[in-house]
Amino acid sequence: MHQSIYQILRDTGRRPGEVVSLHAGCLEVIDGQHNLIYDNHKAGRMRRRLPITTDTARIITCWREHRAGLHLPPSLDRWLFPSPMLRTPQSRGHVTPSCVTRAFKAWVAQIGVIDSELLGSDGTPAPFDRTMIIPYALRHSYAQRHADAGVPVDVLRDLMDHAAVATTMGYYRVGLNRKQQTIHQAGALAVHA
């Protein structure tokens, strides 16, 4: 279950609370395009649609097939990720974001040394700060992958389900490769005397 949650977080850029509260019927196909139906709790916008890849749809479908083999009480039928702890006060019938965070911490603890992009005083890569590896960071990674692919900021705003471009800009970083590419493209247009 946690592997499926991780993959959906990675592939969709949704907030952890949006993924854990997905309904069992969260997939739709329109004209051959898969869409994830989710609730943006933060903005109060329910039943939002996000285009997803066939691979991401397959992850959800595989988890649903596995889930169908579990013995669940009828009260949990509506949730894609039902909670195994029904009696906890924070449970609404689905797994909680804090449960996912605990699983992430356990997973990260098992990973060996991770090199960062920064160099230490000896010129070797400095270790990456493991406390930065949290479920919400996958939302930032999703945004950055799209930014690196040249997705216009207004389209990225819609993908992130932000109301304002200014919010999206907080996620949007232009990498060195894109800056260099832009300089080379613009330089080719310059008139030299």
Protein backbone atom coordinates (compact mmCIF):
# COMPACT_ATOMS: atom_id res chain seq x y z
CA MET A 1 0.00 0.00 0.00
CA HIS A 2 2.75 2.48 0.93
CA GLN A 3 4.60 1.74 -2.30
CA SER A 4 1.45 2.58 -4.29
CA ILE A 5 0.97 5.77 -2.26
CA TYR A 6 4.59 6.75 -2.94
CA GLN A 7 4.22 6.13 -6.67
CA ILE A 8 1.00 8.15 -6.87
CA LEU A 9 2.56 11.03 -4.89
CA ARG A 10 5.60 10.93 -7.22
CA ASP A 11 3.61 10.71 -10.45
CA THR A 12 0.81 13.18 -9.70
CA GLY A 13 2.29 15.87 -7.45
CA ARG A 14 -0.79 15.77 -5.23
CA ARG A 15 -0.54 16.62 -1.56
CA PRO A 16 -0.28 13.63 0.81
CA GLY A 17 -3.77 14.35 2.21
CA GLU A 18 -5.19 14.32 -1.30
CA VAL A 19 -3.65 10.93 -2.09
CA VAL A 20 -4.56 9.12 1.12
CA SER A 21 -8.17 10.29 0.77
CA LEU A 22 -8.61 9.04 -2.81
CA HIS A 23 -11.85 7.18 -3.37
CA ALA A 24 -11.78 3.64 -4.74
CA GLY A 25 -13.35 4.97 -7.95
CA CYS A 26 -10.75 7.72 -8.45
CA LEU A 27 -9.96 6.81 -12.08
CA GLU A 28 -11.86 7.90 -15.15
CA VAL A 29 -11.09 7.55 -18.83
CA ILE A 30 -12.28 10.19 -21.30
CA ASP A 31 -11.35 9.79 -24.97
CA GLY A 32 -8.67 7.29 -24.03
CA GLN A 33 -7.02 9.69 -21.51
CA HIS A 34 -6.80 8.61 -17.87
CA ASN A 35 -7.72 11.15 -15.22
CA LEU A 36 -7.27 11.03 -11.48
CA ILE A 37 -10.27 12.36 -9.56
CA TYR A 38 -9.17 13.81 -6.22
CA ASP A 39 -10.30 16.35 -3.63
CA ASN A 40 -8.23 19.49 -3.09
CA HIS A 41 -9.05 19.83 0.61
CA LYS A 42 -6.77 22.84 1.10
CA ALA A 43 -8.72 25.01 -1.36
CA GLY A 44 -12.09 23.30 -0.85
CA ARG A 45 -12.24 22.25 -4.51
CA MET A 46 -13.67 18.76 -4.67
CA ARG A 47 -13.68 16.21 -7.48
CA ARG A 48 -10.79 17.77 -9.35
CA ARG A 49 -9.42 16.04 -12.44
CA LEU A 50 -5.74 15.57 -13.24
CA PRO A 51 -4.56 13.89 -16.45
CA ILE A 52 -2.26 10.98 -15.59
CA THR A 53 -0.19 8.54 -17.59
CA THR A 54 -1.26 5.00 -18.39
CA ASP A 55 1.54 3.78 -16.11
CA THR A 56 0.14 5.75 -13.17
CA ALA A 57 -3.37 4.47 -13.92
CA ARG A 58 -1.92 0.93 -13.95
CA ILE A 59 -0.41 1.47 -10.47
CA ILE A 60 -3.85 2.46 -9.15
CA THR A 61 -5.55 -0.44 -10.94
CA CYS A 62 -3.02 -2.97 -9.57
CA TRP A 63 -3.49 -1.65 -6.04
CA ARG A 64 -7.29 -1.83 -6.45
CA GLU A 65 -6.98 -5.47 -7.54
CA HIS A 66 -4.84 -6.24 -4.49
CA ARG A 67 -7.20 -4.27 -2.26
CA ALA A 68 -10.16 -6.34 -3.55
CA GLY A 69 -8.56 -9.40 -1.97
CA LEU A 70 -8.42 -7.80 1.48
CA HIS A 71 -11.15 -8.48 4.00
CA LEU A 72 -12.44 -4.98 4.69
CA PRO A 73 -15.54 -3.88 6.55
CA PRO A 74 -18.16 -2.29 4.27
CA SER A 75 -17.56 1.10 5.92
CA LEU A 76 -14.14 1.23 4.22
CA ASP A 77 -15.29 0.33 0.70
CA ARG A 78 -15.17 3.92 -0.52
CA TRP A 79 -11.45 4.50 0.19
CA LEU A 80 -8.61 3.49 -2.11
CA PHE A 81 -6.28 3.30 0.92
CA PRO A 82 -8.41 2.12 3.83
CA SER A 83 -7.04 2.53 7.33
CA PRO A 84 -6.09 -0.59 9.24
CA MET A 85 -6.65 1.42 12.44
CA LEU A 86 -10.34 2.23 12.52
CA ARG A 87 -10.44 3.15 16.18
CA THR A 88 -7.85 5.95 16.09
CA PRO A 89 -9.42 9.40 16.44
CA GLN A 90 -7.66 10.85 13.35
CA SER A 91 -8.85 8.04 11.08
CA ARG A 92 -11.68 8.91 8.73
CA GLY A 93 -11.59 5.43 7.27
CA HIS A 94 -8.50 6.03 5.17
CA VAL A 95 -4.79 6.06 5.94
CA THR A 96 -3.57 9.39 7.31
CA PRO A 97 -0.77 11.61 5.99
CA SER A 98 1.11 11.09 9.28
CA CYS A 99 1.03 7.33 8.71
CA VAL A 100 2.61 7.89 5.28
CA THR A 101 5.24 10.20 6.81
CA ARG A 102 6.20 7.52 9.35
CA ALA A 103 6.57 4.95 6.55
CA PHE A 104 8.74 7.43 4.59
CA LYS A 105 11.00 7.99 7.61
CA ALA A 106 11.47 4.24 8.03
CA TRP A 107 12.25 3.88 4.32
CA VAL A 108 14.73 6.79 4.32
CA ALA A 109 16.49 5.35 7.38
CA GLN A 110 17.35 2.27 5.32
CA ILE A 111 18.96 4.22 2.47
CA GLY A 112 22.75 4.50 2.45
CA VAL A 113 24.65 7.74 1.91
CA ILE A 114 23.00 10.12 -0.55
CA ASP A 115 25.27 12.66 -2.22
CA SER A 116 23.94 16.18 -2.68
CA GLU A 117 24.76 18.51 -5.55
CA LEU A 118 26.82 20.65 -3.16
CA LEU A 119 30.49 20.02 -2.62
CA GLY A 120 32.08 19.76 0.79
CA SER A 121 35.28 21.58 1.79
CA ASP A 122 37.34 18.66 0.45
CA GLY A 123 35.71 18.91 -3.01
CA THR A 124 33.66 15.73 -2.68
CA PRO A 125 29.86 15.77 -2.67
CA ALA A 126 28.40 16.74 0.69
CA PRO A 127 25.81 14.35 2.11
CA PHE A 128 22.19 15.14 1.27
CA ASP A 129 20.07 16.18 4.25
CA ARG A 130 17.76 13.19 4.77
CA THR A 131 15.25 15.29 6.71
CA MET A 132 14.35 16.85 3.34
CA ILE A 133 13.01 13.50 2.07
CA ILE A 134 9.36 13.78 3.04
CA PRO A 135 6.15 12.94 1.16
CA TYR A 136 5.40 16.60 0.42
CA ALA A 137 8.78 16.95 -1.33
CA LEU A 138 7.38 14.77 -4.11
CA ARG A 139 4.98 17.62 -4.95
CA HIS A 140 7.96 19.93 -5.42
CA SER A 141 9.76 17.28 -7.50
CA TYR A 142 6.69 16.92 -9.73
CA ALA A 143 6.60 20.67 -10.31
CA GLN A 144 10.33 20.82 -11.00
CA ARG A 145 10.23 17.95 -13.50
CA HIS A 146 7.52 19.80 -15.41
CA ALA A 147 9.42 23.11 -15.19
CA ASP A 148 12.58 21.38 -16.47
CA ALA A 149 10.57 19.96 -19.36
CA GLY A 150 9.62 23.51 -20.36
CA VAL A 151 5.98 23.40 -19.26
CA PRO A 152 4.70 27.00 -19.25
CA VAL A 153 4.01 28.35 -15.77
CA ASP A 154 0.28 28.86 -16.48
CA VAL A 155 -0.06 25.18 -17.43
CA LEU A 156 1.97 24.14 -14.38
CA ARG A 157 -0.37 26.28 -12.23
CA ASP A 158 -3.32 24.25 -13.52
CA LEU A 159 -1.49 20.94 -13.00
CA MET A 160 -0.67 21.95 -9.43
CA ASP A 161 -4.28 23.16 -8.95
CA HIS A 162 -3.17 26.56 -7.69
CA ALA A 163 -5.47 29.56 -7.94
CA ALA A 164 -2.60 31.99 -8.56
CA VAL A 165 0.56 31.80 -10.65
CA ALA A 166 2.43 33.41 -7.74
CA THR A 167 1.86 30.25 -5.69
CA THR A 168 3.18 28.09 -8.51
CA MET A 169 6.28 30.26 -8.81
CA GLY A 170 7.24 29.10 -5.32
CA TYR A 171 7.67 25.62 -6.78
CA TYR A 172 9.16 26.71 -10.11
CA ARG A 173 12.93 26.80 -10.34
CA VAL A 174 14.76 27.33 -13.61
CA GLY A 175 17.77 25.01 -13.68
CA LEU A 176 21.21 25.90 -15.00
CA ASN A 177 20.76 23.73 -18.12
CA ARG A 178 17.60 25.61 -19.11
CA LYS A 179 19.28 28.95 -18.47
CA GLN A 180 22.23 27.97 -20.68
CA GLN A 181 19.90 26.66 -23.39
CA THR A 182 17.95 29.93 -23.36
CA ILE A 183 21.13 32.01 -23.62
CA HIS A 184 22.32 29.94 -26.60
CA GLN A 185 18.93 30.23 -28.34
CA ALA A 186 18.70 33.97 -27.72
CA GLY A 187 22.32 34.45 -28.73
CA ALA A 188 21.62 32.91 -32.14
CA LEU A 189 19.00 35.62 -32.72
CA ALA A 190 21.34 38.51 -31.93
CA VAL A 191 22.50 40.71 -34.80
CA HIS A 192 26.26 41.11 -34.80
CA ALA A 193 27.76 44.20 -36.45
